[in-house]
Amino acid sequence: MKRVCNRKHTDINLVPNTTVHASPAKANTAWSLTPNGIKAGLSAGDAFAQLKDHIGWWYDWSPTPRKTGSPIGVPMLWGAGTVDAQDAKRYAQFKKLTSPPPYVLGFEEPDCEGNGSAGMSVDDGVYQWEKMIAPLKVSGTKLGSPAMCKQADETWLAQFNKKVKTPWDFTAIHINKDNMAGVQKDLDHYWNTYKKPIWVTEFACVNDHNTFTPCTDQGKINTFINQIVDLLQNDSRVVAYAYSNGLGLGNVWPMWRNGQLSPSGQTYLNAIRKYH
């Protein structure tokens, strides 16, 4: 039975006329899988101005992440265009991409249904992957796998891996845990199963034991952020990571509040700028 995910991701601060700072993929075929050589990244764009000097990449779940600055905006094909109007819009935008990006992210939680998850069958995922994403690989784009909502107990990606013809270059994963033992378990699962470099495209402090309960204690959140940043920075299997700014994560975790960095956001900034 599929777990229903109630988090919803929205396109934040999409500015049509700003410059996309992502060079064509053909110029970057020799690049590492760490954008700009900086592991730290950002999901959504509200705190971009505050973090841009300390992150190598960012994304907003859309095919057209646009901000002025050196961090690379990474496009995503969120779903098959059938979930809702936003999914359909993103799908249509992805079809219109005219130049191959250095990196691209696969589907958003296709193994779950509900707001914020793409809810796709494995066969549909394989079809859309080969049709929409795989052709970019020929031009040098590095492909990120679909990211699961079920983490270490996932089965969708395992089936997808057996059926897909075009392999991904790095495994995109989500980590919703409240301790480093849980984080390590997720990393171990994806590394041991797929043996490919890992992008943690979303991490958040969440108690996921039989439910999905975001952390609310600021002290616990601060400790979690500092610990996970240090862990991901020092784990050679992880080549990129990003703080989750999806909805449904409570009132304390979100890094942007009332037009400025929240205490949680400031903690993330302090944690990553030790490394860049």
C-alpha atoms as a PDB file:
ATOM      1  CA  MET A   1       0.000   0.000   0.000  1.00  0.00           C
ATOM      2  CA  LYS A   2       1.371   3.365  -0.952  1.00  0.00           C
ATOM      3  CA  ARG A   3       2.055   5.903   1.761  1.00  0.00           C
ATOM      4  CA  VAL A   4       0.268   9.160   1.011  1.00  0.00           C
ATOM      5  CA  CYS A   5       2.610  12.118   1.116  1.00  0.00           C
ATOM      6  CA  ASN A   6       0.979  15.373   2.179  1.00  0.00           C
ATOM      7  CA  ARG A   7       3.884  17.679   1.416  1.00  0.00           C
ATOM      8  CA  LYS A   8       3.328  19.970  -1.529  1.00  0.00           C
ATOM      9  CA  HIS A   9       6.070  21.581  -3.572  1.00  0.00           C
ATOM     10  CA  THR A  10       5.457  24.844  -5.346  1.00  0.00           C
ATOM     11  CA  ASP A  11       7.431  26.815  -7.894  1.00  0.00           C
ATOM     12  CA  ILE A  12       8.845  29.671  -5.833  1.00  0.00           C
ATOM     13  CA  ASN A  13      10.221  32.893  -7.267  1.00  0.00           C
ATOM     14  CA  LEU A  14      10.288  31.851 -10.915  1.00  0.00           C
ATOM     15  CA  VAL A  15      11.494  34.960 -12.729  1.00  0.00           C
ATOM     16  CA  PRO A  16      11.037  34.560 -16.504  1.00  0.00           C
ATOM     17  CA  ASN A  17      13.580  37.137 -17.633  1.00  0.00           C
ATOM     18  CA  THR A  18      16.544  36.418 -15.385  1.00  0.00           C
ATOM     19  CA  THR A  19      19.694  34.660 -16.524  1.00  0.00           C
ATOM     20  CA  VAL A  20      20.050  30.905 -16.132  1.00  0.00           C
ATOM     21  CA  HIS A  21      23.551  30.275 -14.831  1.00  0.00           C
ATOM     22  CA  ALA A  22      23.985  26.761 -16.158  1.00  0.00           C
ATOM     23  CA  SER A  23      26.397  26.207 -19.016  1.00  0.00           C
ATOM     24  CA  PRO A  24      25.446  23.783 -21.788  1.00  0.00           C
ATOM     25  CA  ALA A  25      26.097  20.183 -20.872  1.00  0.00           C
ATOM     26  CA  LYS A  26      28.587  19.570 -23.681  1.00  0.00           C
ATOM     27  CA  ALA A  27      30.948  22.039 -22.043  1.00  0.00           C
ATOM     28  CA  ASN A  28      30.697  20.181 -18.746  1.00  0.00           C
ATOM     29  CA  THR A  29      31.086  16.522 -19.642  1.00  0.00           C
ATOM     30  CA  ALA A  30      34.311  16.414 -17.631  1.00  0.00           C
ATOM     31  CA  TRP A  31      32.721  18.025 -14.575  1.00  0.00           C
ATOM     32  CA  SER A  32      32.389  16.089 -11.393  1.00  0.00           C
ATOM     33  CA  LEU A  33      28.930  15.256 -10.106  1.00  0.00           C
ATOM     34  CA  THR A  34      29.293  18.058  -7.554  1.00  0.00           C
ATOM     35  CA  PRO A  35      27.991  21.297  -9.125  1.00  0.00           C
ATOM     36  CA  ASN A  36      30.629  24.036  -9.008  1.00  0.00           C
ATOM     37  CA  GLY A  37      32.616  21.739  -6.726  1.00  0.00           C
ATOM     38  CA  ILE A  38      30.325  22.657  -3.804  1.00  0.00           C
ATOM     39  CA  LYS A  39      28.133  19.951  -2.285  1.00  0.00           C
ATOM     40  CA  ALA A  40      25.710  22.250  -0.461  1.00  0.00           C
ATOM     41  CA  GLY A  41      22.559  23.281  -2.276  1.00  0.00           C
ATOM     42  CA  LEU A  42      19.066  24.662  -1.826  1.00  0.00           C
ATOM     43  CA  SER A  43      15.541  23.583  -2.697  1.00  0.00           C
ATOM     44  CA  ALA A  44      13.141  26.405  -3.634  1.00  0.00           C
ATOM     45  CA  GLY A  45      14.461  29.920  -3.984  1.00  0.00           C
ATOM     46  CA  ASP A  46      13.367  32.212  -1.167  1.00  0.00           C
ATOM     47  CA  ALA A  47      16.741  32.169   0.598  1.00  0.00           C
ATOM     48  CA  PHE A  48      18.828  32.151  -2.584  1.00  0.00           C
ATOM     49  CA  ALA A  49      20.249  35.654  -2.099  1.00  0.00           C
ATOM     50  CA  GLN A  50      21.400  34.831   1.430  1.00  0.00           C
ATOM     51  CA  LEU A  51      22.978  31.474   0.503  1.00  0.00           C
ATOM     52  CA  LYS A  52      24.245  31.989  -3.054  1.00  0.00           C
ATOM     53  CA  ASP A  53      27.875  32.533  -2.023  1.00  0.00           C
ATOM     54  CA  HIS A  54      27.934  29.238  -0.134  1.00  0.00           C
ATOM     55  CA  ILE A  55      26.023  26.810  -2.386  1.00  0.00           C
ATOM     56  CA  GLY A  56      26.924  25.197  -5.689  1.00  0.00           C
ATOM     57  CA  TRP A  57      23.429  24.445  -6.953  1.00  0.00           C
ATOM     58  CA  TRP A  58      19.723  24.799  -6.356  1.00  0.00           C
ATOM     59  CA  TYR A  59      16.373  23.704  -7.779  1.00  0.00           C
ATOM     60  CA  ASP A  60      12.674  24.482  -7.411  1.00  0.00           C
ATOM     61  CA  TRP A  61      11.024  21.280  -8.741  1.00  0.00           C
ATOM     62  CA  SER A  62      10.508  22.934 -12.137  1.00  0.00           C
ATOM     63  CA  PRO A  63      12.268  22.567 -15.518  1.00  0.00           C
ATOM     64  CA  THR A  64      13.207  26.263 -15.446  1.00  0.00           C
ATOM     65  CA  PRO A  65      14.927  27.322 -12.198  1.00  0.00           C
ATOM     66  CA  ARG A  66      16.153  30.872 -12.788  1.00  0.00           C
ATOM     67  CA  LYS A  67      18.193  33.094 -10.503  1.00  0.00           C
ATOM     68  CA  THR A  68      21.084  35.481 -11.062  1.00  0.00           C
ATOM     69  CA  GLY A  69      24.257  34.112  -9.502  1.00  0.00           C
ATOM     70  CA  SER A  70      26.848  31.366  -9.810  1.00  0.00           C
ATOM     71  CA  PRO A  71      24.892  28.427  -8.260  1.00  0.00           C
ATOM     72  CA  ILE A  72      23.637  26.120 -11.003  1.00  0.00           C
ATOM     73  CA  GLY A  73      19.873  25.861 -11.394  1.00  0.00           C
ATOM     74  CA  VAL A  74      19.075  22.168 -11.885  1.00  0.00           C
ATOM     75  CA  PRO A  75      15.947  21.336 -13.932  1.00  0.00           C
ATOM     76  CA  MET A  76      13.548  18.582 -12.911  1.00  0.00           C
ATOM     77  CA  LEU A  77      10.898  16.573 -14.720  1.00  0.00           C
ATOM     78  CA  TRP A  78       8.495  16.436 -11.768  1.00  0.00           C
ATOM     79  CA  GLY A  79       6.000  13.916 -13.140  1.00  0.00           C
ATOM     80  CA  ALA A  80       4.136  12.694 -16.202  1.00  0.00           C
ATOM     81  CA  GLY A  81       1.976  15.809 -16.450  1.00  0.00           C
ATOM     82  CA  THR A  82      -1.179  14.081 -15.223  1.00  0.00           C
ATOM     83  CA  VAL A  83      -1.392  14.887 -11.491  1.00  0.00           C
ATOM     84  CA  ASP A  84      -2.702  18.457 -11.720  1.00  0.00           C
ATOM     85  CA  ALA A  85      -2.389  21.690 -13.706  1.00  0.00           C
ATOM     86  CA  GLN A  86       1.010  22.487 -12.222  1.00  0.00           C
ATOM     87  CA  ASP A  87       2.344  19.058 -13.176  1.00  0.00           C
ATOM     88  CA  ALA A  88       0.991  19.516 -16.705  1.00  0.00           C
ATOM     89  CA  LYS A  89       2.646  22.942 -16.929  1.00  0.00           C
ATOM     90  CA  ARG A  90       5.992  21.588 -15.777  1.00  0.00           C
ATOM     91  CA  TYR A  91       5.781  18.704 -18.242  1.00  0.00           C
ATOM     92  CA  ALA A  92       5.081  21.097 -21.115  1.00  0.00           C
ATOM     93  CA  GLN A  93       7.966  23.352 -20.031  1.00  0.00           C
ATOM     94  CA  PHE A  94      10.361  20.410 -19.893  1.00  0.00           C
ATOM     95  CA  LYS A  95       9.465  19.463 -23.470  1.00  0.00           C
ATOM     96  CA  LYS A  96      10.498  22.963 -24.556  1.00  0.00           C
ATOM     97  CA  LEU A  97      14.038  22.838 -23.141  1.00  0.00           C
ATOM     98  CA  THR A  98      16.295  23.868 -26.008  1.00  0.00           C
ATOM     99  CA  SER A  99      19.763  23.203 -24.613  1.00  0.00           C
ATOM    100  CA  PRO A 100      20.939  20.276 -22.489  1.00  0.00           C
ATOM    101  CA  PRO A 101      21.693  21.290 -18.880  1.00  0.00           C
ATOM    102  CA  PRO A 102      24.707  19.965 -16.962  1.00  0.00           C
ATOM    103  CA  TYR A 103      22.412  18.039 -14.600  1.00  0.00           C
ATOM    104  CA  VAL A 104      18.755  17.031 -14.512  1.00  0.00           C
ATOM    105  CA  LEU A 105      16.603  15.499 -11.778  1.00  0.00           C
ATOM    106  CA  GLY A 106      14.090  12.718 -12.356  1.00  0.00           C
ATOM    107  CA  PHE A 107      10.578  12.350 -10.977  1.00  0.00           C
ATOM    108  CA  GLU A 108       9.451  13.612  -7.564  1.00  0.00           C
ATOM    109  CA  GLU A 109       8.349  10.744  -5.323  1.00  0.00           C
ATOM    110  CA  PRO A 110       6.662   8.625  -8.010  1.00  0.00           C
ATOM    111  CA  ASP A 111       6.183   5.871  -5.414  1.00  0.00           C
ATOM    112  CA  CYS A 112       3.629   7.929  -3.447  1.00  0.00           C
ATOM    113  CA  GLU A 113       0.322   9.580  -4.232  1.00  0.00           C
ATOM    114  CA  GLY A 114      -1.067  12.836  -2.891  1.00  0.00           C
ATOM    115  CA  ASN A 115      -0.081  16.492  -2.839  1.00  0.00           C
ATOM    116  CA  GLY A 116       3.610  16.854  -3.560  1.00  0.00           C
ATOM    117  CA  SER A 117       4.158  13.392  -5.059  1.00  0.00           C
ATOM    118  CA  ALA A 118       4.044  12.334  -8.707  1.00  0.00           C
ATOM    119  CA  GLY A 119       2.278   8.990  -8.118  1.00  0.00           C
ATOM    120  CA  MET A 120       3.429   7.057 -11.195  1.00  0.00           C
ATOM    121  CA  SER A 121       3.467   3.366 -12.016  1.00  0.00           C
ATOM    122  CA  VAL A 122       6.890   1.862 -12.627  1.00  0.00           C
ATOM    123  CA  ASP A 123       6.057   1.190 -16.277  1.00  0.00           C
ATOM    124  CA  ASP A 124       4.900   4.771 -16.804  1.00  0.00           C
ATOM    125  CA  GLY A 125       8.064   5.994 -15.115  1.00  0.00           C
ATOM    126  CA  VAL A 126      10.222   3.899 -17.441  1.00  0.00           C
ATOM    127  CA  TYR A 127       8.325   5.175 -20.485  1.00  0.00           C
ATOM    128  CA  GLN A 128       8.592   8.841 -19.490  1.00  0.00           C
ATOM    129  CA  TRP A 129      12.254   8.446 -18.513  1.00  0.00           C
ATOM    130  CA  GLU A 130      13.255   6.998 -21.871  1.00  0.00           C
ATOM    131  CA  LYS A 131      11.116   9.491 -23.786  1.00  0.00           C
ATOM    132  CA  MET A 132      11.854  12.722 -21.929  1.00  0.00           C
ATOM    133  CA  ILE A 133      15.035  12.384 -19.866  1.00  0.00           C
ATOM    134  CA  ALA A 134      17.260   9.732 -21.455  1.00  0.00           C
ATOM    135  CA  PRO A 135      17.871  11.690 -24.706  1.00  0.00           C
ATOM    136  CA  LEU A 136      19.685  14.380 -22.687  1.00  0.00           C
ATOM    137  CA  LYS A 137      22.374  11.879 -21.694  1.00  0.00           C
ATOM    138  CA  VAL A 138      23.649  11.736 -25.285  1.00  0.00           C
ATOM    139  CA  SER A 139      24.461  15.450 -25.041  1.00  0.00           C
ATOM    140  CA  GLY A 140      26.377  15.025 -21.802  1.00  0.00           C
ATOM    141  CA  THR A 141      23.724  15.823 -19.209  1.00  0.00           C
ATOM    142  CA  LYS A 142      24.208  13.953 -15.938  1.00  0.00           C
ATOM    143  CA  LEU A 143      20.962  12.211 -15.029  1.00  0.00           C
ATOM    144  CA  GLY A 144      19.607  12.044 -11.492  1.00  0.00           C
ATOM    145  CA  SER A 145      17.313   9.157 -10.626  1.00  0.00           C
ATOM    146  CA  PRO A 146      13.705   9.596  -9.543  1.00  0.00           C
ATOM    147  CA  ALA A 147      13.655  10.417  -5.810  1.00  0.00           C
ATOM    148  CA  MET A 148      11.565   8.186  -3.547  1.00  0.00           C
ATOM    149  CA  CYS A 149       9.369   9.149  -0.613  1.00  0.00           C
ATOM    150  CA  LYS A 150       9.750   5.742   1.063  1.00  0.00           C
ATOM    151  CA  GLN A 151      13.501   6.076   1.627  1.00  0.00           C
ATOM    152  CA  ALA A 152      15.244   2.877   2.795  1.00  0.00           C
ATOM    153  CA  ASP A 153      12.087   0.768   2.429  1.00  0.00           C
ATOM    154  CA  GLU A 154      11.534   1.770  -1.198  1.00  0.00           C
ATOM    155  CA  THR A 155      10.679  -0.819  -3.858  1.00  0.00           C
ATOM    156  CA  TRP A 156       9.668   1.394  -6.820  1.00  0.00           C
ATOM    157  CA  LEU A 157      13.218   2.393  -7.746  1.00  0.00           C
ATOM    158  CA  ALA A 158      14.439  -1.197  -7.547  1.00  0.00           C
ATOM    159  CA  GLN A 159      11.826  -2.248 -10.101  1.00  0.00           C
ATOM    160  CA  PHE A 160      12.531   0.824 -12.237  1.00  0.00           C
ATOM    161  CA  ASN A 161      16.246   0.010 -12.230  1.00  0.00           C
ATOM    162  CA  LYS A 162      15.583  -3.457 -13.643  1.00  0.00           C
ATOM    163  CA  LYS A 163      13.398  -2.180 -16.482  1.00  0.00           C
ATOM    164  CA  VAL A 164      15.012   1.071 -17.581  1.00  0.00           C
ATOM    165  CA  LYS A 165      17.418   0.984 -20.543  1.00  0.00           C
ATOM    166  CA  THR A 166      19.220   4.260 -19.867  1.00  0.00           C
ATOM    167  CA  PRO A 167      20.920   4.250 -16.444  1.00  0.00           C
ATOM    168  CA  TRP A 168      21.082   7.282 -14.216  1.00  0.00           C
ATOM    169  CA  ASP A 169      24.417   8.842 -13.235  1.00  0.00           C
ATOM    170  CA  PHE A 170      23.629   9.696  -9.621  1.00  0.00           C
ATOM    171  CA  THR A 171      20.945   8.544  -7.213  1.00  0.00           C
ATOM    172  CA  ALA A 172      18.691  11.327  -5.924  1.00  0.00           C
ATOM    173  CA  ILE A 173      17.271  10.598  -2.482  1.00  0.00           C
ATOM    174  CA  HIS A 174      15.132  12.204   0.214  1.00  0.00           C
ATOM    175  CA  ILE A 175      16.009  11.894   3.888  1.00  0.00           C
ATOM    176  CA  ASN A 176      13.348  12.618   6.503  1.00  0.00           C
ATOM    177  CA  LYS A 177      14.815  11.512   9.819  1.00  0.00           C
ATOM    178  CA  ASP A 178      15.509  12.985  13.251  1.00  0.00           C
ATOM    179  CA  ASN A 179      18.802  11.245  14.060  1.00  0.00           C
ATOM    180  CA  MET A 180      22.048  10.373  12.324  1.00  0.00           C
ATOM    181  CA  ALA A 181      21.505   6.622  12.664  1.00  0.00           C
ATOM    182  CA  GLY A 182      18.436   6.967  10.461  1.00  0.00           C
ATOM    183  CA  VAL A 183      20.316   9.174   8.015  1.00  0.00           C
ATOM    184  CA  GLN A 184      23.119   6.627   7.804  1.00  0.00           C
ATOM    185  CA  LYS A 185      20.626   3.812   7.199  1.00  0.00           C
ATOM    186  CA  ASP A 186      19.165   5.634   4.201  1.00  0.00           C
ATOM    187  CA  LEU A 187      22.590   6.418   2.749  1.00  0.00           C
ATOM    188  CA  ASP A 188      23.737   2.826   3.222  1.00  0.00           C
ATOM    189  CA  HIS A 189      20.637   1.464   1.505  1.00  0.00           C
ATOM    190  CA  TYR A 190      20.997   3.558  -1.628  1.00  0.00           C
ATOM    191  CA  TRP A 191      24.748   3.119  -1.880  1.00  0.00           C
ATOM    192  CA  ASN A 192      24.707  -0.627  -1.271  1.00  0.00           C
ATOM    193  CA  THR A 193      21.759  -1.182  -3.618  1.00  0.00           C
ATOM    194  CA  TYR A 194      22.647   1.046  -6.572  1.00  0.00           C
ATOM    195  CA  LYS A 195      26.350   1.782  -5.993  1.00  0.00           C
ATOM    196  CA  LYS A 196      26.195   5.242  -7.528  1.00  0.00           C
ATOM    197  CA  PRO A 197      27.063   8.697  -6.177  1.00  0.00           C
ATOM    198  CA  ILE A 198      24.255  10.217  -4.119  1.00  0.00           C
ATOM    199  CA  TRP A 199      22.497  13.568  -4.269  1.00  0.00           C
ATOM    200  CA  VAL A 200      20.387  14.178  -1.157  1.00  0.00           C
ATOM    201  CA  THR A 201      17.923  16.506  -2.868  1.00  0.00           C
ATOM    202  CA  GLU A 202      15.830  16.961   0.275  1.00  0.00           C
ATOM    203  CA  PHE A 203      16.664  16.488   3.930  1.00  0.00           C
ATOM    204  CA  ALA A 204      14.545  17.485   6.911  1.00  0.00           C
ATOM    205  CA  CYS A 205      14.248  16.766  10.621  1.00  0.00           C
ATOM    206  CA  VAL A 206      11.231  14.459  10.820  1.00  0.00           C
ATOM    207  CA  ASN A 207      10.090  11.638  13.087  1.00  0.00           C
ATOM    208  CA  ASP A 208       8.988   9.099  10.486  1.00  0.00           C
ATOM    209  CA  HIS A 209       8.223   6.194  12.818  1.00  0.00           C
ATOM    210  CA  ASN A 210       4.731   5.102  11.719  1.00  0.00           C
ATOM    211  CA  THR A 211       3.866   8.706  10.865  1.00  0.00           C
ATOM    212  CA  PHE A 212       5.371  11.922   9.438  1.00  0.00           C
ATOM    213  CA  THR A 213       5.927  14.367  12.288  1.00  0.00           C
ATOM    214  CA  PRO A 214       8.241  17.343  11.678  1.00  0.00           C
ATOM    215  CA  CYS A 215      10.582  18.352  14.495  1.00  0.00           C
ATOM    216  CA  THR A 216       9.409  21.424  16.413  1.00  0.00           C
ATOM    217  CA  ASP A 217      12.134  21.986  19.008  1.00  0.00           C
ATOM    218  CA  GLN A 218      14.590  24.604  17.735  1.00  0.00           C
ATOM    219  CA  GLY A 219      17.479  23.173  19.711  1.00  0.00           C
ATOM    220  CA  LYS A 220      16.926  19.698  18.277  1.00  0.00           C
ATOM    221  CA  ILE A 221      16.612  21.123  14.771  1.00  0.00           C
ATOM    222  CA  ASN A 222      19.843  23.100  15.126  1.00  0.00           C
ATOM    223  CA  THR A 223      21.694  20.012  16.324  1.00  0.00           C
ATOM    224  CA  PHE A 224      20.255  17.942  13.475  1.00  0.00           C
ATOM    225  CA  ILE A 225      21.281  20.511  10.844  1.00  0.00           C
ATOM    226  CA  ASN A 226      24.844  20.781  12.124  1.00  0.00           C
ATOM    227  CA  GLN A 227      25.221  17.022  12.404  1.00  0.00           C
ATOM    228  CA  ILE A 228      23.787  16.163   8.991  1.00  0.00           C
ATOM    229  CA  VAL A 229      25.794  18.840   7.168  1.00  0.00           C
ATOM    230  CA  ASP A 230      29.012  17.532   8.724  1.00  0.00           C
ATOM    231  CA  LEU A 231      28.021  13.944   7.934  1.00  0.00           C
ATOM    232  CA  LEU A 232      27.147  14.653   4.294  1.00  0.00           C
ATOM    233  CA  GLN A 233      30.221  16.811   3.748  1.00  0.00           C
ATOM    234  CA  ASN A 234      32.489  14.062   5.011  1.00  0.00           C
ATOM    235  CA  ASP A 235      30.785  11.104   3.317  1.00  0.00           C
ATOM    236  CA  SER A 236      32.480  10.530  -0.044  1.00  0.00           C
ATOM    237  CA  ARG A 237      29.414   8.682  -1.347  1.00  0.00           C
ATOM    238  CA  VAL A 238      27.432  11.931  -1.183  1.00  0.00           C
ATOM    239  CA  VAL A 239      28.300  14.440  -3.902  1.00  0.00           C
ATOM    240  CA  ALA A 240      25.494  16.973  -3.343  1.00  0.00           C
ATOM    241  CA  TYR A 241      22.816  17.787  -0.770  1.00  0.00           C
ATOM    242  CA  ALA A 242      20.047  20.323  -0.197  1.00  0.00           C
ATOM    243  CA  TYR A 243      17.942  21.558   2.711  1.00  0.00           C
ATOM    244  CA  SER A 244      14.280  20.706   2.133  1.00  0.00           C
ATOM    245  CA  ASN A 245      11.934  23.647   1.731  1.00  0.00           C
ATOM    246  CA  GLY A 246       8.850  21.671   0.774  1.00  0.00           C
ATOM    247  CA  LEU A 247       5.611  22.340   2.611  1.00  0.00           C
ATOM    248  CA  GLY A 248       4.276  20.145   5.400  1.00  0.00           C
ATOM    249  CA  LEU A 249       7.410  20.477   7.532  1.00  0.00           C
ATOM    250  CA  GLY A 250       5.882  22.470  10.380  1.00  0.00           C
ATOM    251  CA  ASN A 251       6.514  26.041  11.478  1.00  0.00           C
ATOM    252  CA  VAL A 252      10.037  25.748  12.888  1.00  0.00           C
ATOM    253  CA  TRP A 253      11.943  23.866  10.165  1.00  0.00           C
ATOM    254  CA  PRO A 254      11.284  26.186   7.150  1.00  0.00           C
ATOM    255  CA  MET A 255      14.379  28.276   6.531  1.00  0.00           C
ATOM    256  CA  TRP A 256      12.515  31.375   5.315  1.00  0.00           C
ATOM    257  CA  ARG A 257       9.980  33.233   7.428  1.00  0.00           C
ATOM    258  CA  ASN A 258       8.507  36.748   7.257  1.00  0.00           C
ATOM    259  CA  GLY A 259      10.871  37.799   4.494  1.00  0.00           C
ATOM    260  CA  GLN A 260      14.086  36.693   6.172  1.00  0.00           C
ATOM    261  CA  LEU A 261      16.101  33.680   7.254  1.00  0.00           C
ATOM    262  CA  SER A 262      14.517  31.823  10.140  1.00  0.00           C
ATOM    263  CA  PRO A 263      16.684  30.528  13.009  1.00  0.00           C
ATOM    264  CA  SER A 264      16.736  27.174  11.182  1.00  0.00           C
ATOM    265  CA  GLY A 265      17.806  28.851   7.949  1.00  0.00           C
ATOM    266  CA  GLN A 266      20.557  30.761   9.741  1.00  0.00           C
ATOM    267  CA  THR A 267      21.783  27.516  11.280  1.00  0.00           C
ATOM    268  CA  TYR A 268      22.024  25.922   7.821  1.00  0.00           C
ATOM    269  CA  LEU A 269      23.903  28.930   6.460  1.00  0.00           C
ATOM    270  CA  ASN A 270      26.357  28.841   9.370  1.00  0.00           C
ATOM    271  CA  ALA A 271      26.835  25.094   8.931  1.00  0.00           C
ATOM    272  CA  ILE A 272      27.613  25.172   5.201  1.00  0.00           C
ATOM    273  CA  ARG A 273      29.822  28.240   5.161  1.00  0.00           C
ATOM    274  CA  LYS A 274      32.359  26.375   7.259  1.00  0.00           C
ATOM    275  CA  TYR A 275      33.043  24.426   4.064  1.00  0.00           C
ATOM    276  CA  HIS A 276      32.787  27.170   1.439  1.00  0.00           C
END
